[in-house]
Amino acid sequence: MARTPSNMLPLGTLAPDFHLLNPATGTTENLQQLKSQVAILIMFICNHCPFVKHLKDELAKLGQDYIPRGVSIIAINSNDVANYPEDSPEQMKIVAEQWNFNFPYLFDETQAVAKLYDAACTPDFYLFDNQMKCVYRGQLDDSRPGNDIPVTGKDLRAALDALLAGQPIDSEQKPSLGCNIKWKNS
């Protein structure tokens, strides 16, 4: 399994807009309709990555814990499904249900959105404030498959909690680490 770190989008970057398919509903959704007036968390994930599978329960807990507090959460899959059919929209719909996601899991078929966000790996996390400025990008926590560190979400949760409390977010942020996004050959 490849170990690819985040590219670390510059703090303060405005969240790029997008229009993407939601396989669960068959509709196209966009950032403007999904954002909240509090904060938005955008996660680049996929179905097959062992790093994402390792965190799947915590991803669902983030939705359970923070959506009621006004945070919008969006997951995006940008992988090449021609070479990775397990990441197809049909499979995304199944995975979102099996993993108990209460947030949209969108498909970036052209991979343009991943490029706009400078996403590099799955998982890759981006937290934006109510002005749509990036205030956190990096890892969920120090846990990785096989390293025996429990999955707690401590790094991302600390950023979310600070943002919700109106406190500064530590600018010392560790890159996420995961499988590289499966780019199309073009």
Protein backbone atom coordinates (compact mmCIF):
# COMPACT_ATOMS: atom_id res chain seq x y z
CA MET A 1 0.00 0.00 0.00
CA ALA A 2 1.41 3.35 -1.06
CA ARG A 3 1.95 5.92 1.68
CA THR A 4 1.23 9.37 0.26
CA PRO A 5 1.06 12.51 2.43
CA SER A 6 -1.26 15.49 2.01
CA ASN A 7 -0.07 18.42 -0.09
CA MET A 8 -1.23 20.79 2.68
CA LEU A 9 -3.38 23.40 0.94
CA PRO A 10 -2.33 26.85 2.24
CA LEU A 11 -4.31 28.02 5.26
CA GLY A 12 -6.69 30.82 4.30
CA THR A 13 -7.43 29.33 0.86
CA LEU A 14 -11.09 29.77 -0.10
CA ALA A 15 -13.01 26.53 -0.63
CA PRO A 16 -13.38 25.93 -4.36
CA ASP A 17 -16.96 25.40 -5.48
CA PHE A 18 -18.03 22.18 -7.17
CA HIS A 19 -21.00 20.38 -8.70
CA LEU A 20 -20.79 16.63 -8.13
CA LEU A 21 -22.99 13.54 -8.37
CA ASN A 22 -24.42 12.16 -5.15
CA PRO A 23 -24.77 8.45 -5.98
CA ALA A 24 -27.18 7.91 -3.07
CA THR A 25 -29.74 10.33 -4.52
CA GLY A 26 -28.76 10.41 -8.20
CA THR A 27 -28.69 14.22 -8.02
CA THR A 28 -25.93 16.76 -8.55
CA GLU A 29 -25.02 18.70 -5.43
CA ASN A 30 -22.81 21.74 -5.00
CA LEU A 31 -20.82 23.37 -2.25
CA GLN A 32 -23.11 26.40 -2.02
CA GLN A 33 -26.15 24.26 -1.22
CA LEU A 34 -24.28 21.94 1.16
CA LYS A 35 -22.29 24.50 3.18
CA SER A 36 -23.41 25.67 6.59
CA GLN A 37 -23.09 29.03 8.28
CA VAL A 38 -20.80 27.44 10.90
CA ALA A 39 -18.11 25.33 9.20
CA ILE A 40 -17.61 22.77 6.48
CA LEU A 41 -15.45 19.67 6.55
CA ILE A 42 -14.49 18.18 3.21
CA MET A 43 -12.93 14.73 3.17
CA PHE A 44 -11.41 13.01 0.16
CA ILE A 45 -11.93 9.30 0.68
CA CYS A 46 -12.69 6.17 -1.33
CA ASN A 47 -14.13 2.72 -0.76
CA HIS A 48 -11.12 0.44 -1.17
CA CYS A 49 -8.25 2.26 0.58
CA PRO A 50 -7.02 0.45 3.71
CA PHE A 51 -6.28 3.83 5.36
CA VAL A 52 -9.90 4.93 4.87
CA LYS A 53 -11.30 1.56 5.97
CA HIS A 54 -9.18 1.87 9.13
CA LEU A 55 -10.95 5.17 9.96
CA LYS A 56 -14.46 4.45 8.71
CA ASP A 57 -16.10 4.23 12.14
CA GLU A 58 -14.54 7.54 13.20
CA LEU A 59 -15.68 9.17 9.94
CA ALA A 60 -19.25 8.14 10.75
CA LYS A 61 -18.82 9.42 14.35
CA LEU A 62 -17.67 12.80 13.03
CA GLY A 63 -20.98 13.10 11.23
CA GLN A 64 -22.94 12.03 14.30
CA ASP A 65 -21.05 14.42 16.59
CA TYR A 66 -20.59 17.54 14.47
CA ILE A 67 -23.53 17.78 12.05
CA PRO A 68 -25.89 18.46 15.01
CA ARG A 69 -23.51 21.28 16.00
CA GLY A 70 -23.96 22.97 12.62
CA VAL A 71 -20.93 21.62 10.74
CA SER A 72 -21.51 20.52 7.15
CA ILE A 73 -19.59 17.39 6.23
CA ILE A 74 -18.97 16.22 2.68
CA ALA A 75 -17.01 13.18 1.54
CA ILE A 76 -15.68 13.08 -2.04
CA ASN A 77 -14.31 10.14 -4.02
CA SER A 78 -12.06 11.19 -6.92
CA ASN A 79 -10.54 7.83 -7.83
CA ASP A 80 -10.34 6.46 -11.37
CA VAL A 81 -13.15 3.90 -11.39
CA ALA A 82 -12.10 2.37 -14.71
CA ASN A 83 -9.05 0.93 -12.97
CA TYR A 84 -10.60 0.76 -9.47
CA PRO A 85 -14.20 -0.41 -10.02
CA GLU A 86 -14.69 -0.96 -6.28
CA ASP A 87 -14.78 2.86 -6.03
CA SER A 88 -17.65 3.19 -8.53
CA PRO A 89 -20.71 5.32 -7.73
CA GLU A 90 -22.79 2.15 -7.32
CA GLN A 91 -20.34 0.86 -4.71
CA MET A 92 -20.13 4.31 -3.06
CA LYS A 93 -23.86 4.20 -2.41
CA ILE A 94 -23.52 0.79 -0.74
CA VAL A 95 -20.46 1.81 1.30
CA ALA A 96 -22.07 5.04 2.54
CA GLU A 97 -24.99 3.01 3.86
CA GLN A 98 -22.83 0.22 5.34
CA TRP A 99 -20.48 2.69 7.03
CA ASN A 100 -23.42 4.72 8.43
CA PHE A 101 -22.55 8.02 6.78
CA ASN A 102 -25.11 10.73 7.55
CA PHE A 103 -23.43 13.13 5.14
CA PRO A 104 -23.20 13.22 1.34
CA TYR A 105 -20.56 11.04 -0.33
CA LEU A 106 -20.01 12.62 -3.76
CA PHE A 107 -18.31 11.35 -6.92
CA ASP A 108 -15.68 13.50 -8.65
CA GLU A 109 -15.69 11.68 -11.99
CA THR A 110 -13.43 14.17 -13.81
CA GLN A 111 -11.06 14.50 -10.83
CA ALA A 112 -11.23 18.28 -11.30
CA VAL A 113 -12.37 18.88 -7.71
CA ALA A 114 -9.48 16.88 -6.24
CA LYS A 115 -7.12 19.01 -8.32
CA LEU A 116 -8.80 22.25 -7.15
CA TYR A 117 -8.29 21.20 -3.53
CA ASP A 118 -4.77 19.88 -4.24
CA ALA A 119 -5.86 16.57 -2.71
CA ALA A 120 -3.20 13.89 -2.81
CA CYS A 121 -4.34 10.97 -0.71
CA THR A 122 -7.22 9.12 0.84
CA PRO A 123 -8.06 10.23 3.40
CA ASP A 124 -7.37 13.94 2.99
CA PHE A 125 -9.19 16.39 5.31
CA TYR A 126 -10.01 20.09 4.84
CA LEU A 127 -11.83 22.24 7.39
CA PHE A 128 -13.21 25.62 6.35
CA ASP A 129 -14.68 28.32 8.58
CA ASN A 130 -17.93 30.22 7.99
CA GLN A 131 -16.09 32.52 5.56
CA MET A 132 -15.12 29.40 3.54
CA LYS A 133 -11.42 29.88 4.42
CA CYS A 134 -9.25 26.84 5.10
CA VAL A 135 -8.39 26.71 8.80
CA TYR A 136 -7.21 23.10 9.01
CA ARG A 137 -5.85 20.56 6.57
CA GLY A 138 -4.12 17.43 7.65
CA GLN A 139 -4.55 14.19 9.49
CA LEU A 140 -7.43 12.81 11.49
CA ASP A 141 -5.00 11.53 14.12
CA ASP A 142 -1.77 9.51 14.41
CA SER A 143 -3.43 6.12 13.85
CA ARG A 144 -2.51 4.16 10.72
CA PRO A 145 -3.28 0.58 9.72
CA GLY A 146 -0.98 -1.68 11.71
CA ASN A 147 0.60 0.92 14.04
CA ASP A 148 -1.56 -0.05 17.07
CA ILE A 149 -2.45 3.60 17.85
CA PRO A 150 -6.19 3.87 18.55
CA VAL A 151 -8.35 5.86 16.14
CA THR A 152 -9.62 8.88 18.10
CA GLY A 153 -9.79 11.69 15.53
CA LYS A 154 -7.92 13.88 18.05
CA ASP A 155 -6.21 16.24 15.58
CA LEU A 156 -9.27 16.95 13.46
CA ARG A 157 -11.59 17.03 16.47
CA ALA A 158 -9.31 19.55 18.20
CA ALA A 159 -9.54 21.80 15.14
CA LEU A 160 -13.33 21.40 14.93
CA ASP A 161 -13.79 22.06 18.65
CA ALA A 162 -11.55 25.14 18.56
CA LEU A 163 -13.40 26.52 15.54
CA LEU A 164 -16.79 25.93 17.17
CA ALA A 165 -15.59 27.59 20.40
CA GLY A 166 -14.24 30.62 18.55
CA GLN A 167 -10.70 29.74 19.61
CA PRO A 168 -7.57 29.81 17.41
CA ILE A 169 -6.63 26.60 15.64
CA ASP A 170 -3.04 25.48 16.00
CA SER A 171 -1.26 26.22 12.72
CA GLU A 172 1.18 23.34 13.35
CA GLN A 173 -0.73 20.67 11.45
CA LYS A 174 0.46 17.22 10.43
CA PRO A 175 -0.25 16.00 6.88
CA SER A 176 -2.67 13.17 6.45
CA LEU A 177 -1.19 9.95 5.13
CA GLY A 178 -2.90 7.39 2.96
CA CYS A 179 -3.14 5.83 -0.46
CA ASN A 180 -2.55 8.16 -3.35
CA ILE A 181 -5.59 9.31 -5.28
CA LYS A 182 -5.89 6.99 -8.27
CA TRP A 183 -5.46 9.45 -11.11
CA LYS A 184 -6.69 8.72 -14.61
CA ASN A 185 -4.11 8.31 -17.35
CA SER A 186 -4.56 11.31 -19.62
